[in-house]
Amino acid sequence: MAFKPVVLWTDALVYLLVAVVLLFVWHVRRNQHLLVPWRRVSHSASGMAALTVLMFFIIIGLLDTVHLRPAVGNANEGAREQAYSVEVLSLLDLIATPLRVRVEKTYSAPFAAHLYARETVELPDGRQTREFPRLKFGGAHLQDPEAQLITDVALRAGAGGGLGLLVWGLLLISLVALVARRSGETFISALSAIRRGTTAIPWNAVAIVLLLILLLCGAALALCGNYHILGTDKVGQDVFYQSLKSIRTGLVIGTLTTLMMLPFALLLGITAGYFRGWIDDVIQYLYTTLSSIPGVLLIAAAVLMMQVYIETRPELFDTIAARADLRLLFLCIILGVTSWTGLCRLLRGETLKLREMEYIQAAHAFGVSHWRIISRHILPNVMHIVLITTVMDFSGLVLAEAVLSYVGVGVDPSTISFGTMINAARMEMAREPVVWWALLAAFSFMFALVLSANLFADAVQNAFDPRVRTLSAKIGTLRRKKLVKAPEGKAVSTVIEDPLSS
């Protein structure tokens, strides 16, 4: 089947963000003073474990960012023009095609073989009865679901977990071989060092988290082809598929909003702190006024204006995905416009301190231009604040999207997100029996994403904060421990210096 590549607005910005990140990594690796704090981040066990989970979400988000339009046949045979579907699919949609196309009639519980509600069914003899109908896809291969369901689920989950364990074993062997080659040790010594956690990078924490992820992924892949592992919603769509699709929306909101916020915060914050005077007064008045306006009301007004613009100009959008993507992009813009004030205050205060430093005064004395002082001396010395703030704001932006979509002023209803899932599950919690799995799925995925982002943000903050002792310093202190020989017949005691005493 032929496909036509489609680049949406948010896709282009995500590609740009990936290019910027790769360029930043290349630049950091070439500068030792920039590489040192990032090495401290890699020494944090919780930070590396959180980064492993984040990489899982990022891979899913990138797969859902590459969009295509499938061919539907030749619209004009004479001109040999290919017609393409108005439906825009991503690589994740193509990979998860069974989850996307296997739609049931209505609600079904996780791993169920029957619908969740009774329906009137006509028997062969003409009589009617109320029972739970069988699902068209979930557990359809079972002859007797009541007797075979638990055994079949356990066997498939075990097989998928075994496959995940095999993949983890291969990755672990590759990792140990790489560590052994770089350290010059034997394979057994490197494996023992990783197991004891004595390596500079806590590979044991990474391996444990990776094992859990691969076990869950293996079991999910083995089961999702025959069951709805997280149930279905009101229209019969697979909740597990919706949860995977929601990851990209959360990542786009958390990352692209940062791109929209940084220019305002950097330009205005550094300008206010460096030039002071009436320029500082104007910028302070600007962000104080903006902060006094309730953010939800400002975002709601802007989103409603954008919605009116989209509905009155349908000719501008050839697909539903393009219309929904423009609303998502505008939501990122308005969140960025309303969330730069906090970082601007921090940069202003830091710049006020830096401009009084001796090397800045010396640059003024030598007649160096303001632009060169800001670009060469001020900006590099405030980037650690920018980095810490943006990483820590990521989780807050993901939660903000969920709240805004819940109240109806977030993403387009056709866009799957954690907020739209929670909003749809709100009414389902009031019915009897309670439909609980949609809310639980959205909460679980969002909890894992936000928790991993917060843990990684803590590791970044500790690494870039000079007042905090990082794990690398503690490891260096522990390696200088003194072994005190106990009297004969007693165990050897270990005296460890207090890492905070020096």
Protein backbone atom coordinates (compact mmCIF):
# COMPACT_ATOMS: atom_id res chain seq x y z
CA MET A 1 0.00 0.00 0.00
CA ALA A 2 1.28 3.45 -0.96
CA PHE A 3 1.41 6.28 1.55
CA LYS A 4 1.72 10.05 1.26
CA PRO A 5 3.84 11.71 3.96
CA VAL A 6 2.05 14.41 5.92
CA VAL A 7 3.84 16.96 8.08
CA LEU A 8 1.57 18.71 10.54
CA TRP A 9 2.52 21.89 12.37
CA THR A 10 3.32 20.09 15.60
CA ASP A 11 5.24 17.41 13.67
CA ALA A 12 7.53 20.06 12.18
CA LEU A 13 8.14 21.61 15.59
CA VAL A 14 8.86 18.21 17.13
CA TYR A 15 11.39 17.48 14.37
CA LEU A 16 12.96 20.88 15.05
CA LEU A 17 13.09 20.12 18.77
CA VAL A 18 14.78 16.76 18.13
CA ALA A 19 17.36 18.48 15.91
CA VAL A 20 18.01 21.10 18.60
CA VAL A 21 18.45 18.39 21.25
CA LEU A 22 20.90 16.48 19.05
CA LEU A 23 22.85 19.69 18.36
CA PHE A 24 22.89 20.46 22.09
CA VAL A 25 24.22 16.96 22.88
CA TRP A 26 26.95 17.40 20.27
CA HIS A 27 27.88 20.77 21.74
CA VAL A 28 27.95 19.44 25.31
CA ARG A 29 30.20 16.54 24.37
CA ARG A 30 32.73 18.97 22.89
CA ASN A 31 32.88 21.16 26.00
CA GLN A 32 34.17 19.60 29.20
CA HIS A 33 32.72 22.27 31.52
CA LEU A 34 29.24 21.53 30.12
CA LEU A 35 29.74 17.78 30.23
CA VAL A 36 30.62 17.65 33.94
CA PRO A 37 27.14 18.47 35.35
CA TRP A 38 25.47 16.06 32.93
CA ARG A 39 27.81 13.35 34.16
CA ARG A 40 26.51 14.12 37.64
CA VAL A 41 22.99 13.55 36.34
CA SER A 42 24.07 10.14 35.06
CA HIS A 43 25.35 9.28 38.55
CA SER A 44 21.85 9.54 40.03
CA ALA A 45 20.11 6.17 40.30
CA SER A 46 16.63 7.69 40.43
CA GLY A 47 17.43 10.05 37.57
CA MET A 48 18.68 7.29 35.27
CA ALA A 49 15.73 5.05 36.16
CA ALA A 50 13.35 7.92 35.39
CA LEU A 51 15.17 8.65 32.13
CA THR A 52 14.69 5.02 31.10
CA VAL A 53 10.93 5.34 31.59
CA LEU A 54 10.92 8.69 29.79
CA MET A 55 12.71 7.16 26.81
CA PHE A 56 9.91 4.59 26.56
CA PHE A 57 7.35 7.40 26.37
CA ILE A 58 9.48 9.42 23.96
CA ILE A 59 9.82 6.49 21.54
CA ILE A 60 6.04 6.03 21.48
CA GLY A 61 5.56 9.79 21.01
CA LEU A 62 7.99 9.90 18.08
CA LEU A 63 6.29 6.93 16.41
CA ASP A 64 3.01 8.81 16.72
CA THR A 65 4.57 11.94 15.18
CA VAL A 66 5.37 10.49 11.73
CA HIS A 67 2.07 10.89 9.84
CA LEU A 68 0.97 9.35 6.56
CA ARG A 69 -2.12 9.28 4.33
CA PRO A 70 -2.83 5.84 2.85
CA ALA A 71 -3.71 5.48 -0.84
CA VAL A 72 -7.29 4.55 -1.69
CA GLY A 73 -6.97 3.98 -5.44
CA ASN A 74 -6.51 5.97 -8.64
CA ALA A 75 -8.76 9.02 -8.82
CA ASN A 76 -7.81 9.73 -12.45
CA GLU A 77 -6.42 6.85 -14.43
CA GLY A 78 -5.56 8.99 -17.48
CA ALA A 79 -3.45 11.41 -15.51
CA ARG A 80 -2.14 8.66 -13.26
CA GLU A 81 -3.02 10.65 -10.17
CA GLN A 82 -3.14 8.76 -6.92
CA ALA A 83 -6.00 9.46 -4.54
CA TYR A 84 -5.30 9.39 -0.82
CA SER A 85 -7.55 8.92 2.14
CA VAL A 86 -8.63 11.89 4.24
CA GLU A 87 -7.70 9.85 7.31
CA VAL A 88 -4.21 10.66 8.59
CA LEU A 89 -2.41 7.76 10.26
CA SER A 90 0.85 7.63 12.16
CA LEU A 91 3.45 4.91 12.39
CA LEU A 92 2.00 4.01 15.77
CA ASP A 93 -1.43 3.61 14.16
CA LEU A 94 0.02 1.25 11.56
CA ILE A 95 1.86 -0.78 14.20
CA ALA A 96 -1.22 -0.92 16.42
CA THR A 97 -3.67 -1.61 13.57
CA PRO A 98 -5.34 -4.54 15.42
CA LEU A 99 -6.05 -2.28 18.37
CA ARG A 100 -7.35 0.49 16.12
CA VAL A 101 -9.70 -1.49 13.88
CA ARG A 102 -11.07 -4.07 16.34
CA VAL A 103 -13.96 -2.00 17.66
CA GLU A 104 -16.61 -3.58 19.87
CA LYS A 105 -20.22 -2.52 20.27
CA THR A 106 -19.83 -0.76 23.63
CA TYR A 107 -18.22 -1.18 27.06
CA SER A 108 -16.23 -4.27 27.94
CA ALA A 109 -14.07 -4.86 31.01
CA PRO A 110 -10.32 -5.62 30.82
CA PHE A 111 -9.64 -9.18 29.55
CA ALA A 112 -13.38 -9.76 29.17
CA ALA A 113 -15.01 -12.02 26.57
CA HIS A 114 -18.49 -10.52 26.99
CA LEU A 115 -19.96 -7.04 26.95
CA TYR A 116 -20.22 -5.23 30.25
CA ALA A 117 -23.99 -4.72 30.13
CA ARG A 118 -26.85 -7.10 29.50
CA GLU A 119 -28.71 -6.94 26.22
CA THR A 120 -31.87 -8.52 24.89
CA VAL A 121 -30.92 -11.52 22.76
CA GLU A 122 -33.33 -13.53 20.65
CA LEU A 123 -32.95 -17.28 21.03
CA PRO A 124 -33.29 -19.75 18.11
CA ASP A 125 -36.78 -20.75 19.25
CA GLY A 126 -38.01 -17.15 19.11
CA ARG A 127 -37.90 -16.41 22.82
CA GLN A 128 -35.99 -13.41 24.15
CA THR A 129 -33.65 -13.27 27.09
CA ARG A 130 -31.26 -10.76 28.63
CA GLU A 131 -27.63 -11.84 28.82
CA PHE A 132 -24.09 -10.62 28.29
CA PRO A 133 -23.33 -10.96 24.53
CA ARG A 134 -19.95 -12.25 23.35
CA LEU A 135 -17.43 -9.73 22.06
CA LYS A 136 -16.60 -9.76 18.36
CA PHE A 137 -12.84 -9.67 18.96
CA GLY A 138 -12.01 -9.87 22.65
CA GLY A 139 -11.62 -13.52 23.60
CA ALA A 140 -13.34 -14.60 20.38
CA HIS A 141 -10.96 -17.55 20.00
CA LEU A 142 -12.20 -19.17 23.22
CA GLN A 143 -14.84 -21.87 22.99
CA ASP A 144 -15.73 -21.72 26.70
CA PRO A 145 -14.56 -18.37 28.13
CA GLU A 146 -15.55 -19.17 31.70
CA ALA A 147 -13.31 -22.25 31.78
CA GLN A 148 -10.51 -21.18 29.43
CA LEU A 149 -10.10 -17.43 30.01
CA ILE A 150 -7.80 -17.40 33.06
CA THR A 151 -5.56 -20.17 31.74
CA ASP A 152 -5.28 -18.62 28.30
CA VAL A 153 -4.43 -15.17 29.71
CA ALA A 154 -1.81 -16.66 32.04
CA LEU A 155 -0.16 -18.67 29.24
CA ARG A 156 -0.06 -15.76 26.81
CA ALA A 157 1.20 -13.35 29.46
CA GLY A 158 3.90 -15.83 30.46
CA ALA A 159 4.99 -16.29 26.86
CA GLY A 160 5.11 -12.53 26.29
CA GLY A 161 6.97 -11.98 29.55
CA GLY A 162 9.45 -14.68 28.55
CA LEU A 163 10.07 -12.92 25.25
CA GLY A 164 10.62 -9.65 27.11
CA LEU A 165 13.02 -11.42 29.47
CA LEU A 166 14.95 -12.79 26.48
CA VAL A 167 15.27 -9.33 24.94
CA TRP A 168 16.37 -7.95 28.31
CA GLY A 169 19.01 -10.65 28.61
CA LEU A 170 20.43 -9.77 25.18
CA LEU A 171 20.51 -6.09 26.06
CA LEU A 172 22.17 -6.84 29.40
CA ILE A 173 24.87 -8.92 27.71
CA SER A 174 25.54 -6.08 25.27
CA LEU A 175 25.70 -3.58 28.13
CA VAL A 176 28.11 -5.69 30.19
CA ALA A 177 30.33 -6.21 27.14
CA LEU A 178 30.40 -2.46 26.51
CA VAL A 179 31.22 -1.68 30.14
CA ALA A 180 33.96 -4.35 30.18
CA ARG A 181 35.53 -2.99 27.01
CA ARG A 182 35.56 0.60 28.25
CA SER A 183 36.87 -0.26 31.72
CA GLY A 184 39.38 -2.86 30.54
CA GLU A 185 37.94 -5.49 32.88
CA THR A 186 36.75 -8.99 32.19
CA PHE A 187 33.12 -9.75 31.39
CA ILE A 188 32.55 -11.37 34.80
CA SER A 189 34.14 -8.45 36.66
CA ALA A 190 31.99 -5.93 34.76
CA LEU A 191 28.85 -7.98 35.47
CA SER A 192 29.72 -8.15 39.15
CA ALA A 193 30.35 -4.39 39.26
CA ILE A 194 26.97 -3.69 37.67
CA ARG A 195 25.23 -6.09 40.06
CA ARG A 196 26.85 -4.46 43.12
CA GLY A 197 26.17 -0.95 41.81
CA THR A 198 29.81 0.16 41.97
CA THR A 199 29.91 1.57 38.44
CA ALA A 200 29.91 5.35 37.99
CA ILE A 201 26.63 5.16 36.09
CA PRO A 202 24.05 3.13 38.08
CA TRP A 203 23.47 0.53 35.39
CA ASN A 204 21.85 -1.78 37.92
CA ALA A 205 18.95 0.66 38.40
CA VAL A 206 18.62 1.07 34.64
CA ALA A 207 18.62 -2.71 34.15
CA ILE A 208 15.92 -3.27 36.79
CA VAL A 209 13.62 -0.62 35.32
CA LEU A 210 14.27 -1.88 31.79
CA LEU A 211 13.43 -5.42 32.92
CA LEU A 212 10.07 -4.28 34.31
CA ILE A 213 9.28 -2.33 31.13
CA LEU A 214 10.16 -5.23 28.82
CA LEU A 215 8.17 -7.71 30.92
CA LEU A 216 5.10 -5.47 30.79
CA CYS A 217 5.54 -4.73 27.09
CA GLY A 218 6.05 -8.38 26.24
CA ALA A 219 2.95 -9.44 28.14
CA ALA A 220 0.90 -6.58 26.63
CA LEU A 221 1.99 -7.44 23.08
CA ALA A 222 1.14 -11.09 23.59
CA LEU A 223 -2.32 -10.30 24.98
CA CYS A 224 -3.51 -7.26 23.03
CA GLY A 225 -4.01 -9.25 19.83
CA ASN A 226 -6.69 -11.42 21.44
CA TYR A 227 -7.99 -9.32 24.32
CA HIS A 228 -8.77 -5.73 25.23
CA ILE A 229 -6.28 -5.62 28.07
CA LEU A 230 -7.59 -2.29 29.40
CA GLY A 231 -11.18 -2.74 28.24
CA THR A 232 -13.19 -0.64 25.77
CA ASP A 233 -15.04 2.65 26.04
CA LYS A 234 -18.63 3.65 25.22
CA VAL A 235 -18.18 3.33 21.46
CA GLY A 236 -16.12 0.13 21.73
CA GLN A 237 -12.65 1.59 21.12
CA ASP A 238 -9.71 -0.06 22.85
CA VAL A 239 -8.66 1.92 25.93
CA PHE A 240 -5.07 0.66 25.71
CA TYR A 241 -4.82 2.15 22.22
CA GLN A 242 -6.23 5.45 23.48
CA SER A 243 -3.69 5.50 26.30
CA LEU A 244 -0.82 5.05 23.86
CA LYS A 245 -2.17 7.80 21.62
CA SER A 246 -2.45 10.16 24.58
CA ILE A 247 1.30 10.02 25.18
CA ARG A 248 2.14 12.16 22.14
CA THR A 249 -0.34 14.86 23.16
CA GLY A 250 1.19 15.07 26.64
CA LEU A 251 4.73 15.22 25.26
CA VAL A 252 3.82 17.86 22.68
CA ILE A 253 2.17 20.05 25.31
CA GLY A 254 5.12 19.64 27.69
CA THR A 255 7.89 20.28 25.15
CA LEU A 256 6.51 22.67 22.53
CA THR A 257 5.12 24.98 25.19
CA THR A 258 8.69 25.32 26.42
CA LEU A 259 9.78 26.43 22.95
CA MET A 260 7.05 29.10 22.98
CA MET A 261 7.94 30.23 26.50
CA LEU A 262 11.74 30.52 26.28
CA PRO A 263 12.01 33.50 23.88
CA PHE A 264 9.76 35.68 26.07
CA ALA A 265 11.44 34.66 29.32
CA LEU A 266 15.03 34.95 28.06
CA LEU A 267 14.61 38.22 26.20
CA LEU A 268 12.53 40.06 28.78
CA GLY A 269 14.16 38.62 31.91
CA ILE A 270 17.76 39.32 30.87
CA THR A 271 16.84 42.71 29.42
CA ALA A 272 15.10 43.80 32.63
CA GLY A 273 17.96 42.70 34.86
CA TYR A 274 20.75 44.06 32.68
CA PHE A 275 19.47 47.52 31.68
CA ARG A 276 17.37 48.20 34.81
CA GLY A 277 15.76 51.67 34.99
CA TRP A 278 12.55 52.34 33.05
CA ILE A 279 13.04 49.18 30.94
CA ASP A 280 12.97 47.07 34.10
CA ASP A 281 9.86 48.93 35.32
CA VAL A 282 7.98 48.33 32.05
CA ILE A 283 8.83 44.61 31.93
CA GLN A 284 7.93 44.16 35.60
CA TYR A 285 4.59 45.89 35.00
CA LEU A 286 4.00 43.63 31.97
CA TYR A 287 4.55 40.29 33.70
CA THR A 288 2.86 41.45 36.93
CA THR A 289 -0.26 42.40 34.96
CA LEU A 290 -0.20 39.13 33.04
CA SER A 291 0.22 37.12 36.25
CA SER A 292 -2.79 38.87 37.80
CA ILE A 293 -5.13 37.55 35.08
CA PRO A 294 -6.51 34.06 35.89
CA GLY A 295 -4.71 31.71 33.54
CA VAL A 296 -7.68 29.43 32.91
CA LEU A 297 -9.89 32.34 31.85
CA LEU A 298 -7.24 33.72 29.51
CA ILE A 299 -6.62 30.31 27.95
CA ALA A 300 -10.37 29.64 27.62
CA ALA A 301 -10.95 32.97 25.86
CA ALA A 302 -8.05 32.40 23.44
CA VAL A 303 -9.08 28.79 22.67
CA LEU A 304 -12.70 29.81 22.02
CA MET A 305 -11.55 32.56 19.65
CA MET A 306 -9.38 30.04 17.82
CA GLN A 307 -12.28 27.59 17.65
CA VAL A 308 -14.51 30.21 16.01
CA TYR A 309 -11.76 30.95 13.46
CA ILE A 310 -11.40 27.25 12.60
CA GLU A 311 -15.15 26.65 12.25
CA THR A 312 -15.68 29.68 9.99
CA ARG A 313 -12.84 28.70 7.62
CA PRO A 314 -13.19 24.98 6.91
CA GLU A 315 -11.60 25.38 3.47
CA LEU A 316 -8.20 25.89 5.08
CA PHE A 317 -8.05 22.30 6.36
CA ASP A 318 -8.06 19.29 4.07
CA THR A 319 -8.26 16.76 6.91
CA ILE A 320 -9.71 16.58 10.40
CA ALA A 321 -6.21 15.90 11.73
CA ALA A 322 -4.92 19.21 10.33
CA ARG A 323 -7.72 21.12 12.07
CA ALA A 324 -7.15 19.33 15.38
CA ASP A 325 -3.38 19.86 15.08
CA LEU A 326 -3.79 23.60 14.62
CA ARG A 327 -5.84 23.80 17.81
CA LEU A 328 -3.18 21.78 19.64
CA LEU A 329 -0.47 24.13 18.36
CA PHE A 330 -2.46 27.19 19.42
CA LEU A 331 -2.95 25.66 22.87
CA CYS A 332 0.84 25.28 23.15
CA ILE A 333 1.27 28.92 22.11
CA ILE A 334 -1.23 30.30 24.62
CA LEU A 335 0.22 28.13 27.41
CA GLY A 336 3.69 29.43 26.55
CA VAL A 337 2.50 33.05 26.50
CA THR A 338 0.89 32.70 29.92
CA SER A 339 3.63 30.65 31.65
CA TRP A 340 6.83 32.63 30.95
CA THR A 341 6.45 35.01 33.87
CA GLY A 342 7.96 32.72 36.54
CA LEU A 343 11.14 32.04 34.57
CA CYS A 344 11.36 35.72 33.64
CA ARG A 345 11.46 36.69 37.33
CA LEU A 346 14.22 34.19 38.03
CA LEU A 347 16.33 35.37 35.09
CA ARG A 348 15.85 39.01 36.05
CA GLY A 349 17.08 38.38 39.58
CA GLU A 350 20.08 36.34 38.41
CA THR A 351 21.00 38.96 35.81
CA LEU A 352 20.85 41.73 38.44
CA LYS A 353 23.43 39.76 40.42
CA LEU A 354 25.65 38.91 37.44
CA ARG A 355 25.88 42.46 36.08
CA GLU A 356 27.65 43.52 39.29
CA MET A 357 30.36 40.86 38.94
CA GLU A 358 33.93 41.99 38.36
CA TYR A 359 34.31 40.47 34.89
CA ILE A 360 31.15 42.27 33.72
CA GLN A 361 32.43 45.56 35.10
CA ALA A 362 35.76 44.93 33.38
CA ALA A 363 33.99 44.31 30.08
CA HIS A 364 32.17 47.63 30.47
CA ALA A 365 35.47 49.36 31.19
CA PHE A 366 37.00 47.95 28.00
CA GLY A 367 34.05 49.23 25.96
CA VAL A 368 32.54 45.84 25.08
CA SER A 369 29.06 46.23 23.56
CA HIS A 370 25.93 45.35 25.50
CA TRP A 371 24.99 42.62 23.02
CA ARG A 372 28.37 40.93 23.36
CA ILE A 373 28.26 41.07 27.16
CA ILE A 374 24.77 39.57 27.21
CA SER A 375 25.55 36.83 24.68
CA ARG A 376 29.03 35.90 25.95
CA HIS A 377 28.81 36.48 29.72
CA ILE A 378 25.20 36.77 30.92
CA LEU A 379 23.38 34.15 28.84
CA PRO A 380 25.77 31.21 29.46
CA ASN A 381 25.66 31.85 33.21
CA VAL A 382 21.86 31.72 33.44
CA MET A 383 21.34 28.65 31.28
CA HIS A 384 21.39 26.34 34.30
CA ILE A 385 18.33 28.17 35.64
CA VAL A 386 16.63 27.84 32.26
CA LEU A 387 17.41 24.14 32.09
CA ILE A 388 16.22 23.36 35.62
CA THR A 389 13.03 25.39 35.25
CA THR A 390 12.02 23.93 31.89
CA VAL A 391 12.59 20.35 33.02
CA MET A 392 10.62 20.90 36.22
CA ASP A 393 7.76 22.68 34.37
CA PHE A 394 7.25 19.74 31.99
CA SER A 395 5.11 17.72 34.39
CA GLY A 396 3.03 20.78 35.29
CA LEU A 397 2.24 21.39 31.63
CA VAL A 398 1.16 17.77 31.13
CA LEU A 399 -1.21 18.11 34.08
CA ALA A 400 -2.42 21.48 32.75
CA GLU A 401 -3.50 19.87 29.48
CA ALA A 402 -5.47 17.25 31.38
CA VAL A 403 -7.27 19.91 33.43
CA LEU A 404 -8.02 22.14 30.42
CA SER A 405 -9.34 19.24 28.33
CA TYR A 406 -11.42 18.12 31.29
CA VAL A 407 -13.18 21.50 31.44
CA GLY A 408 -13.61 21.59 27.65
CA VAL A 409 -11.09 24.28 26.62
CA GLY A 410 -8.16 22.01 25.85
CA VAL A 411 -7.37 19.99 22.75
CA ASP A 412 -9.84 19.23 19.97
CA PRO A 413 -12.40 16.51 20.85
CA SER A 414 -11.04 14.38 18.00
CA THR A 415 -7.56 14.45 19.57
CA ILE A 416 -6.95 11.65 22.04
CA SER A 417 -5.35 12.90 25.25
CA PHE A 418 -5.33 12.16 28.95
CA GLY A 419 -7.72 15.06 29.51
CA THR A 420 -10.28 13.86 26.97
CA MET A 421 -10.07 10.33 28.39
CA ILE A 422 -10.68 11.63 31.91
CA ASN A 423 -13.50 13.84 30.68
CA ALA A 424 -15.17 10.88 28.96
CA ALA A 425 -14.68 8.70 32.04
CA ARG A 426 -16.33 11.32 34.26
CA MET A 427 -19.85 10.31 33.20
CA GLU A 428 -18.97 6.63 33.14
CA MET A 429 -18.17 6.71 36.85
CA ALA A 430 -21.78 7.71 37.59
CA ARG A 431 -23.39 4.71 35.89
CA GLU A 432 -24.22 1.37 37.43
CA PRO A 433 -22.23 -0.81 37.19
CA VAL A 434 -19.28 1.58 37.35
CA VAL A 435 -16.99 1.75 34.30
CA TRP A 436 -13.68 2.29 36.10
CA TRP A 437 -10.99 1.12 33.68
CA ALA A 438 -10.87 4.18 31.37
CA LEU A 439 -10.12 6.52 34.26
CA LEU A 440 -7.63 4.08 35.76
CA ALA A 441 -5.77 3.70 32.43
CA ALA A 442 -5.49 7.47 31.87
CA PHE A 443 -4.41 8.03 35.47
CA SER A 444 -1.80 5.23 35.37
CA PHE A 445 -0.12 6.38 32.16
CA MET A 446 -0.18 10.04 33.19
CA PHE A 447 1.12 9.15 36.67
CA ALA A 448 4.06 7.20 35.19
CA LEU A 449 4.90 10.05 32.78
CA VAL A 450 4.67 12.81 35.38
CA LEU A 451 6.50 10.84 38.09
CA SER A 452 9.41 9.97 35.81
CA ALA A 453 9.62 13.60 34.64
CA ASN A 454 9.68 14.84 38.25
CA LEU A 455 12.38 12.37 39.30
CA PHE A 456 14.54 13.30 36.32
CA ALA A 457 13.98 16.99 37.09
CA ASP A 458 15.17 16.41 40.65
CA ALA A 459 18.33 14.74 39.35
CA VAL A 460 18.99 17.66 36.99
CA GLN A 461 18.42 20.18 39.78
CA ASN A 462 20.79 18.33 42.13
CA ALA A 463 23.47 18.09 39.45
CA PHE A 464 23.37 21.77 38.51
CA ASP A 465 22.96 23.07 42.07
CA PRO A 466 26.45 23.61 43.55
CA ARG A 467 25.08 23.40 47.13
CA VAL A 468 23.92 19.80 46.73
CA ARG A 469 26.23 16.82 47.02
CA THR A 470 25.66 14.53 44.08
CA LEU A 471 26.05 10.81 43.98
CA SER A 472 29.40 11.09 42.24
CA ALA A 473 30.88 12.98 45.18
CA LYS A 474 29.50 10.40 47.59
CA ILE A 475 30.98 7.56 45.55
CA GLY A 476 34.35 9.29 45.61
CA THR A 477 34.13 9.62 49.40
CA LEU A 478 33.10 6.00 49.84
CA ARG A 479 36.04 4.84 47.76
CA ARG A 480 38.33 6.61 50.22
CA LYS A 481 36.87 4.68 53.15
CA LYS A 482 39.26 3.34 55.77
CA LEU A 483 39.21 -0.31 56.64
CA VAL A 484 39.96 -0.81 60.32
CA LYS A 485 41.12 -4.26 61.32
CA ALA A 486 39.20 -5.62 64.27
CA PRO A 487 40.81 -7.76 67.01
CA GLU A 488 41.38 -11.38 66.18
CA GLY A 489 38.26 -13.50 66.14
CA LYS A 490 35.96 -10.56 65.33
CA ALA A 491 34.62 -9.29 62.05
CA VAL A 492 36.36 -6.53 60.17
CA SER A 493 34.60 -3.23 60.65
CA THR A 494 34.39 -0.55 58.04
CA VAL A 495 34.74 3.10 58.93
CA ILE A 496 33.21 5.41 56.36
CA GLU A 497 33.86 9.10 56.38
CA ASP A 498 30.79 11.31 56.67
CA PRO A 499 30.37 12.81 53.17
CA LEU A 500 28.88 15.99 54.65
CA SER A 501 31.59 16.53 57.26
CA SER A 502 34.09 18.04 54.87
